[in-house]
Amino acid sequence: MKKYSRQREALLTELRSRKDHPTAEDLYLSLRAVLPNYSLGTVYRNLADLSADGVIMKITSGYGPERYDGNVKPHGHFTCTKCGRVIDLDGFYESHVDTNTIMKDVAKSESGKQIAGISEIRIMLYGQCTNC
């Protein structure tokens, strides 16, 4: 983790207070109201650092820009293929994902021989949201 900075802390606080999985630009616009000198480049740098350190989750769905989640506990997501909205699937991951079985099955599989280790299992469902 990099050295503490007021801007990084403000970004993390803003992201953790939201449930809408904002884009970097969404976060930039929110933070500019509080920290007028906060640049978009600084937002991107801090998001990259926080994501690399496992403090936040970067969500790349293939539908629209990358989005971010302040909740790094294992949980599922739904992405609307029309508008790109990302929605948490609370309780879904815990009741449908058996990580031990997945890890064992991958290790036993032919393709698993090419994998040195698995660091994360993500569940992403795609479809259309009720807003669309």
N, C-alpha and C. Protein backbone atom coordinates (compact mmCIF):
# COMPACT_ATOMS: atom_id res chain seq x y z
N MET A 1 0.85 -1.19 0.00
CA MET A 1 0.00 0.00 0.00
C MET A 1 0.88 1.23 0.00
N LYS A 2 0.48 2.18 -0.78
CA LYS A 2 1.24 3.42 -0.86
C LYS A 2 1.01 4.29 0.37
N LYS A 3 1.83 5.30 0.47
CA LYS A 3 1.75 6.25 1.57
C LYS A 3 0.37 6.90 1.64
N TYR A 4 -0.08 7.20 2.85
CA TYR A 4 -1.37 7.85 3.06
C TYR A 4 -1.42 9.18 2.32
N SER A 5 -2.55 9.46 1.71
CA SER A 5 -2.78 10.79 1.14
C SER A 5 -4.24 11.15 1.38
N ARG A 6 -4.46 12.42 1.57
CA ARG A 6 -5.82 12.92 1.81
C ARG A 6 -6.73 12.61 0.61
N GLN A 7 -6.18 12.74 -0.59
CA GLN A 7 -6.97 12.49 -1.79
C GLN A 7 -7.35 11.01 -1.91
N ARG A 8 -6.40 10.12 -1.61
CA ARG A 8 -6.70 8.68 -1.68
C ARG A 8 -7.75 8.32 -0.64
N GLU A 9 -7.62 8.87 0.55
CA GLU A 9 -8.58 8.60 1.62
C GLU A 9 -9.97 9.12 1.26
N ALA A 10 -10.04 10.30 0.65
CA ALA A 10 -11.33 10.85 0.22
C ALA A 10 -11.96 9.97 -0.85
N LEU A 11 -11.15 9.47 -1.77
CA LEU A 11 -11.65 8.58 -2.82
C LEU A 11 -12.20 7.29 -2.22
N LEU A 12 -11.45 6.71 -1.31
CA LEU A 12 -11.87 5.46 -0.68
C LEU A 12 -13.16 5.66 0.13
N THR A 13 -13.25 6.74 0.85
CA THR A 13 -14.45 7.05 1.63
C THR A 13 -15.65 7.23 0.71
N GLU A 14 -15.47 7.96 -0.37
CA GLU A 14 -16.56 8.18 -1.34
C GLU A 14 -17.01 6.86 -1.95
N LEU A 15 -16.06 6.04 -2.37
CA LEU A 15 -16.41 4.77 -3.00
C LEU A 15 -17.13 3.84 -2.04
N ARG A 16 -16.66 3.76 -0.81
CA ARG A 16 -17.29 2.87 0.17
C ARG A 16 -18.67 3.34 0.60
N SER A 17 -18.98 4.61 0.38
CA SER A 17 -20.29 5.14 0.76
C SER A 17 -21.35 4.89 -0.32
N ARG A 18 -20.91 4.41 -1.47
CA ARG A 18 -21.81 4.24 -2.61
C ARG A 18 -22.11 2.78 -2.88
N LYS A 19 -23.29 2.55 -3.44
CA LYS A 19 -23.71 1.20 -3.82
C LYS A 19 -23.95 1.08 -5.32
N ASP A 20 -23.63 2.15 -6.06
CA ASP A 20 -23.96 2.19 -7.49
C ASP A 20 -22.82 1.79 -8.41
N HIS A 21 -21.70 1.35 -7.88
CA HIS A 21 -20.55 0.93 -8.68
C HIS A 21 -20.16 2.02 -9.68
N PRO A 22 -19.67 3.13 -9.16
CA PRO A 22 -19.38 4.29 -10.01
C PRO A 22 -18.18 4.07 -10.94
N THR A 23 -18.15 4.85 -12.00
CA THR A 23 -16.99 4.89 -12.89
C THR A 23 -15.97 5.87 -12.28
N ALA A 24 -14.79 5.90 -12.84
CA ALA A 24 -13.77 6.85 -12.39
C ALA A 24 -14.28 8.28 -12.56
N GLU A 25 -14.97 8.53 -13.66
CA GLU A 25 -15.50 9.87 -13.90
C GLU A 25 -16.58 10.25 -12.89
N ASP A 26 -17.44 9.29 -12.53
CA ASP A 26 -18.46 9.55 -11.49
C ASP A 26 -17.78 9.97 -10.19
N LEU A 27 -16.75 9.23 -9.82
CA LEU A 27 -16.03 9.53 -8.58
C LEU A 27 -15.34 10.89 -8.67
N TYR A 28 -14.76 11.18 -9.80
CA TYR A 28 -14.09 12.46 -10.03
C TYR A 28 -15.08 13.62 -9.83
N LEU A 29 -16.25 13.51 -10.42
CA LEU A 29 -17.24 14.58 -10.30
C LEU A 29 -17.70 14.76 -8.85
N SER A 30 -17.86 13.67 -8.12
CA SER A 30 -18.25 13.76 -6.71
C SER A 30 -17.15 14.39 -5.86
N LEU A 31 -15.93 13.99 -6.12
CA LEU A 31 -14.81 14.48 -5.31
C LEU A 31 -14.46 15.92 -5.60
N ARG A 32 -14.68 16.36 -6.82
CA ARG A 32 -14.38 17.76 -7.18
C ARG A 32 -15.18 18.74 -6.34
N ALA A 33 -16.36 18.33 -5.89
CA ALA A 33 -17.18 19.21 -5.06
C ALA A 33 -16.52 19.44 -3.70
N VAL A 34 -15.77 18.47 -3.22
CA VAL A 34 -15.12 18.55 -1.91
C VAL A 34 -13.67 18.99 -2.04
N LEU A 35 -12.98 18.48 -3.05
CA LEU A 35 -11.56 18.79 -3.28
C LEU A 35 -11.40 19.35 -4.70
N PRO A 36 -11.55 20.66 -4.86
CA PRO A 36 -11.56 21.27 -6.20
C PRO A 36 -10.29 21.00 -7.02
N ASN A 37 -9.17 20.73 -6.37
CA ASN A 37 -7.93 20.49 -7.11
C ASN A 37 -7.70 19.02 -7.46
N TYR A 38 -8.65 18.17 -7.16
CA TYR A 38 -8.53 16.74 -7.44
C TYR A 38 -8.65 16.54 -8.95
N SER A 39 -7.65 15.97 -9.57
CA SER A 39 -7.68 15.78 -11.02
C SER A 39 -8.18 14.39 -11.39
N LEU A 40 -8.65 14.25 -12.61
CA LEU A 40 -9.12 12.96 -13.10
C LEU A 40 -7.96 11.96 -13.15
N GLY A 41 -6.78 12.43 -13.50
CA GLY A 41 -5.60 11.58 -13.52
C GLY A 41 -5.29 11.01 -12.14
N THR A 42 -5.45 11.83 -11.10
CA THR A 42 -5.23 11.38 -9.73
C THR A 42 -6.26 10.34 -9.33
N VAL A 43 -7.50 10.52 -9.77
CA VAL A 43 -8.54 9.53 -9.51
C VAL A 43 -8.13 8.19 -10.12
N TYR A 44 -7.74 8.20 -11.38
CA TYR A 44 -7.34 6.96 -12.06
C TYR A 44 -6.13 6.31 -11.38
N ARG A 45 -5.13 7.11 -11.01
CA ARG A 45 -3.94 6.56 -10.34
C ARG A 45 -4.31 5.92 -9.01
N ASN A 46 -5.13 6.62 -8.22
CA ASN A 46 -5.52 6.09 -6.92
C ASN A 46 -6.39 4.84 -7.06
N LEU A 47 -7.30 4.83 -8.03
CA LEU A 47 -8.12 3.64 -8.26
C LEU A 47 -7.24 2.45 -8.65
N ALA A 48 -6.26 2.68 -9.50
CA ALA A 48 -5.35 1.60 -9.91
C ALA A 48 -4.57 1.07 -8.72
N ASP A 49 -4.06 1.97 -7.88
CA ASP A 49 -3.30 1.54 -6.70
C ASP A 49 -4.18 0.78 -5.71
N LEU A 50 -5.35 1.31 -5.42
CA LEU A 50 -6.26 0.67 -4.46
C LEU A 50 -6.73 -0.69 -4.97
N SER A 51 -6.97 -0.78 -6.26
CA SER A 51 -7.39 -2.04 -6.86
C SER A 51 -6.24 -3.06 -6.82
N ALA A 52 -5.05 -2.64 -7.17
CA ALA A 52 -3.88 -3.53 -7.16
C ALA A 52 -3.59 -4.03 -5.74
N ASP A 53 -3.86 -3.20 -4.75
CA ASP A 53 -3.62 -3.58 -3.35
C ASP A 53 -4.76 -4.40 -2.76
N GLY A 54 -5.86 -4.59 -3.53
CA GLY A 54 -6.99 -5.38 -3.04
C GLY A 54 -7.89 -4.64 -2.08
N VAL A 55 -7.77 -3.32 -2.02
CA VAL A 55 -8.58 -2.51 -1.12
C VAL A 55 -9.95 -2.25 -1.72
N ILE A 56 -10.02 -2.19 -3.05
CA ILE A 56 -11.28 -2.01 -3.77
C ILE A 56 -11.32 -3.04 -4.90
N MET A 57 -12.48 -3.18 -5.53
CA MET A 57 -12.63 -4.11 -6.65
C MET A 57 -12.90 -3.32 -7.93
N LYS A 58 -12.13 -3.63 -8.97
CA LYS A 58 -12.38 -3.07 -10.28
C LYS A 58 -13.27 -4.05 -11.03
N ILE A 59 -14.35 -3.56 -11.61
CA ILE A 59 -15.30 -4.40 -12.33
C ILE A 59 -15.25 -4.06 -13.81
N THR A 60 -14.80 -5.02 -14.59
CA THR A 60 -14.76 -4.89 -16.03
C THR A 60 -15.77 -5.87 -16.59
N SER A 61 -16.84 -5.35 -17.14
CA SER A 61 -17.93 -6.23 -17.58
C SER A 61 -18.02 -6.38 -19.09
N GLY A 62 -17.36 -5.50 -19.82
CA GLY A 62 -17.50 -5.54 -21.28
C GLY A 62 -18.64 -4.67 -21.77
N TYR A 63 -19.37 -4.07 -20.86
CA TYR A 63 -20.49 -3.19 -21.22
C TYR A 63 -20.26 -1.84 -20.56
N GLY A 64 -19.66 -0.92 -21.27
CA GLY A 64 -19.39 0.40 -20.73
C GLY A 64 -18.04 0.45 -20.02
N PRO A 65 -17.77 1.58 -19.37
CA PRO A 65 -16.48 1.77 -18.73
C PRO A 65 -16.31 0.89 -17.48
N GLU A 66 -15.07 0.77 -17.03
CA GLU A 66 -14.82 0.04 -15.79
C GLU A 66 -15.55 0.73 -14.65
N ARG A 67 -15.99 -0.07 -13.71
CA ARG A 67 -16.67 0.44 -12.53
C ARG A 67 -15.93 -0.06 -11.31
N TYR A 68 -16.23 0.52 -10.17
CA TYR A 68 -15.49 0.21 -8.95
C TYR A 68 -16.44 -0.10 -7.81
N ASP A 69 -15.98 -0.97 -6.91
CA ASP A 69 -16.77 -1.41 -5.77
C ASP A 69 -15.89 -1.33 -4.53
N GLY A 70 -16.39 -0.66 -3.50
CA GLY A 70 -15.67 -0.55 -2.24
C GLY A 70 -15.79 -1.80 -1.39
N ASN A 71 -16.68 -2.70 -1.77
CA ASN A 71 -16.89 -3.94 -1.04
C ASN A 71 -16.07 -5.04 -1.71
N VAL A 72 -15.02 -5.50 -1.04
CA VAL A 72 -14.16 -6.53 -1.64
C VAL A 72 -14.48 -7.94 -1.14
N LYS A 73 -15.48 -8.06 -0.28
CA LYS A 73 -15.88 -9.40 0.15
C LYS A 73 -16.50 -10.12 -1.05
N PRO A 74 -16.31 -11.45 -1.14
CA PRO A 74 -16.87 -12.18 -2.29
C PRO A 74 -18.39 -11.98 -2.39
N HIS A 75 -18.82 -11.52 -3.55
CA HIS A 75 -20.24 -11.36 -3.83
C HIS A 75 -20.43 -11.29 -5.34
N GLY A 76 -21.62 -11.60 -5.79
CA GLY A 76 -21.90 -11.59 -7.21
C GLY A 76 -22.36 -10.24 -7.71
N HIS A 77 -22.33 -10.08 -9.02
CA HIS A 77 -22.80 -8.86 -9.67
C HIS A 77 -23.67 -9.21 -10.87
N PHE A 78 -24.54 -8.29 -11.21
CA PHE A 78 -25.35 -8.35 -12.42
C PHE A 78 -25.01 -7.11 -13.23
N THR A 79 -24.79 -7.27 -14.53
CA THR A 79 -24.54 -6.14 -15.41
C THR A 79 -25.63 -6.07 -16.46
N CYS A 80 -26.22 -4.90 -16.60
CA CYS A 80 -27.23 -4.68 -17.64
C CYS A 80 -26.49 -4.50 -18.97
N THR A 81 -26.84 -5.32 -19.94
CA THR A 81 -26.19 -5.27 -21.24
C THR A 81 -26.66 -4.10 -22.09
N LYS A 82 -27.68 -3.40 -21.61
CA LYS A 82 -28.19 -2.25 -22.36
C LYS A 82 -27.58 -0.94 -21.85
N CYS A 83 -27.62 -0.72 -20.52
CA CYS A 83 -27.14 0.55 -19.97
C CYS A 83 -25.80 0.44 -19.23
N GLY A 84 -25.35 -0.77 -18.94
CA GLY A 84 -24.08 -0.95 -18.26
C GLY A 84 -24.14 -0.89 -16.75
N ARG A 85 -25.33 -0.68 -16.21
CA ARG A 85 -25.50 -0.61 -14.75
C ARG A 85 -25.03 -1.92 -14.11
N VAL A 86 -24.37 -1.81 -12.95
CA VAL A 86 -23.91 -2.98 -12.21
C VAL A 86 -24.64 -3.02 -10.88
N ILE A 87 -25.18 -4.18 -10.54
CA ILE A 87 -25.98 -4.35 -9.32
C ILE A 87 -25.38 -5.49 -8.50
N ASP A 88 -25.23 -5.27 -7.18
CA ASP A 88 -24.78 -6.34 -6.29
C ASP A 88 -25.83 -7.43 -6.20
N LEU A 89 -25.38 -8.66 -6.15
CA LEU A 89 -26.27 -9.80 -5.93
C LEU A 89 -25.99 -10.32 -4.52
N ASP A 90 -26.65 -9.73 -3.55
CA ASP A 90 -26.42 -10.07 -2.15
C ASP A 90 -26.88 -11.49 -1.84
N GLY A 91 -26.02 -12.24 -1.17
CA GLY A 91 -26.35 -13.59 -0.75
C GLY A 91 -26.20 -14.63 -1.84
N PHE A 92 -26.12 -14.20 -3.08
CA PHE A 92 -26.05 -15.10 -4.22
C PHE A 92 -24.75 -15.90 -4.21
N TYR A 93 -23.64 -15.21 -4.04
CA TYR A 93 -22.33 -15.86 -4.08
C TYR A 93 -22.22 -16.95 -3.03
N GLU A 94 -22.57 -16.60 -1.80
CA GLU A 94 -22.44 -17.53 -0.68
C GLU A 94 -23.28 -18.79 -0.87
N SER A 95 -24.45 -18.66 -1.46
CA SER A 95 -25.34 -19.81 -1.61
C SER A 95 -25.11 -20.60 -2.89
N HIS A 96 -24.33 -20.06 -3.84
CA HIS A 96 -24.16 -20.75 -5.11
C HIS A 96 -22.71 -21.10 -5.48
N VAL A 97 -21.76 -20.58 -4.74
CA VAL A 97 -20.37 -20.81 -5.10
C VAL A 97 -19.68 -21.62 -4.01
N ASP A 98 -19.24 -22.80 -4.38
CA ASP A 98 -18.46 -23.65 -3.48
C ASP A 98 -17.01 -23.58 -3.96
N THR A 99 -16.25 -22.65 -3.38
CA THR A 99 -14.89 -22.40 -3.85
C THR A 99 -14.00 -23.63 -3.72
N ASN A 100 -14.17 -24.41 -2.68
CA ASN A 100 -13.34 -25.61 -2.52
C ASN A 100 -13.55 -26.59 -3.67
N THR A 101 -14.80 -26.83 -4.03
CA THR A 101 -15.10 -27.74 -5.14
C THR A 101 -14.56 -27.19 -6.46
N ILE A 102 -14.73 -25.91 -6.68
CA ILE A 102 -14.23 -25.30 -7.91
C ILE A 102 -12.71 -25.47 -7.99
N MET A 103 -12.01 -25.17 -6.91
CA MET A 103 -10.54 -25.27 -6.89
C MET A 103 -10.09 -26.70 -7.16
N LYS A 104 -10.75 -27.67 -6.53
CA LYS A 104 -10.39 -29.08 -6.73
C LYS A 104 -10.67 -29.51 -8.18
N ASP A 105 -11.82 -29.13 -8.71
CA ASP A 105 -12.18 -29.51 -10.08
C ASP A 105 -11.23 -28.89 -11.10
N VAL A 106 -10.85 -27.65 -10.89
CA VAL A 106 -9.91 -26.99 -11.79
C VAL A 106 -8.56 -27.71 -11.74
N ALA A 107 -8.09 -28.00 -10.53
CA ALA A 107 -6.80 -28.68 -10.37
C ALA A 107 -6.77 -30.03 -11.08
N LYS A 108 -7.91 -30.74 -11.08
CA LYS A 108 -7.99 -32.07 -11.70
C LYS A 108 -8.18 -32.00 -13.22
N SER A 109 -8.61 -30.86 -13.73
CA SER A 109 -8.92 -30.75 -15.15
C SER A 109 -7.65 -30.64 -16.00
N GLU A 110 -7.79 -30.93 -17.27
CA GLU A 110 -6.66 -30.84 -18.21
C GLU A 110 -6.16 -29.39 -18.29
N SER A 111 -7.07 -28.44 -18.41
CA SER A 111 -6.65 -27.04 -18.49
C SER A 111 -6.08 -26.54 -17.16
N GLY A 112 -6.49 -27.16 -16.05
CA GLY A 112 -5.99 -26.78 -14.75
C GLY A 112 -4.49 -26.99 -14.59
N LYS A 113 -3.92 -27.86 -15.41
CA LYS A 113 -2.48 -28.12 -15.37
C LYS A 113 -1.68 -26.90 -15.83
N GLN A 114 -2.34 -26.00 -16.51
CA GLN A 114 -1.68 -24.78 -16.99
C GLN A 114 -1.83 -23.62 -16.00
N ILE A 115 -2.54 -23.86 -14.90
CA ILE A 115 -2.82 -22.81 -13.94
C ILE A 115 -1.99 -23.02 -12.68
N ALA A 116 -1.20 -22.02 -12.33
CA ALA A 116 -0.35 -22.11 -11.14
C ALA A 116 -1.13 -21.84 -9.86
N GLY A 117 -2.15 -21.02 -9.94
CA GLY A 117 -2.96 -20.71 -8.77
C GLY A 117 -4.13 -19.83 -9.12
N ILE A 118 -5.14 -19.86 -8.29
CA ILE A 118 -6.34 -19.04 -8.48
C ILE A 118 -6.41 -18.06 -7.32
N SER A 119 -6.51 -16.79 -7.65
CA SER A 119 -6.54 -15.77 -6.60
C SER A 119 -7.94 -15.27 -6.29
N GLU A 120 -8.88 -15.53 -7.20
CA GLU A 120 -10.21 -14.96 -7.01
C GLU A 120 -11.22 -15.67 -7.90
N ILE A 121 -12.44 -15.78 -7.42
CA ILE A 121 -13.54 -16.30 -8.23
C ILE A 121 -14.62 -15.23 -8.23
N ARG A 122 -15.01 -14.79 -9.40
CA ARG A 122 -16.05 -13.77 -9.52
C ARG A 122 -17.24 -14.35 -10.27
N ILE A 123 -18.43 -13.90 -9.87
CA ILE A 123 -19.66 -14.29 -10.54
C ILE A 123 -20.28 -13.02 -11.12
N MET A 124 -20.51 -13.03 -12.43
CA MET A 124 -21.14 -11.89 -13.10
C MET A 124 -22.28 -12.43 -13.96
N LEU A 125 -23.48 -11.98 -13.69
CA LEU A 125 -24.63 -12.32 -14.51
C LEU A 125 -24.92 -11.14 -15.44
N TYR A 126 -25.41 -11.43 -16.63
CA TYR A 126 -25.70 -10.40 -17.62
C TYR A 126 -27.15 -10.50 -18.06
N GLY A 127 -27.73 -9.37 -18.36
CA GLY A 127 -29.11 -9.32 -18.82
C GLY A 127 -29.55 -7.88 -18.89
N GLN A 128 -30.85 -7.66 -18.75
CA GLN A 128 -31.40 -6.31 -18.82
C GLN A 128 -31.99 -5.93 -17.48
N CYS A 129 -31.69 -4.72 -17.00
CA CYS A 129 -32.23 -4.25 -15.72
C CYS A 129 -33.66 -3.74 -15.89
N THR A 130 -34.34 -3.53 -14.79
CA THR A 130 -35.73 -3.07 -14.83
C THR A 130 -35.85 -1.63 -15.35
N ASN A 131 -34.79 -0.84 -15.25
CA ASN A 131 -34.81 0.53 -15.77
C ASN A 131 -34.83 0.57 -17.30
N CYS A 132 -34.32 -0.49 -17.90
CA CYS A 132 -34.23 -0.51 -19.37
C CYS A 132 -35.40 -1.24 -19.97
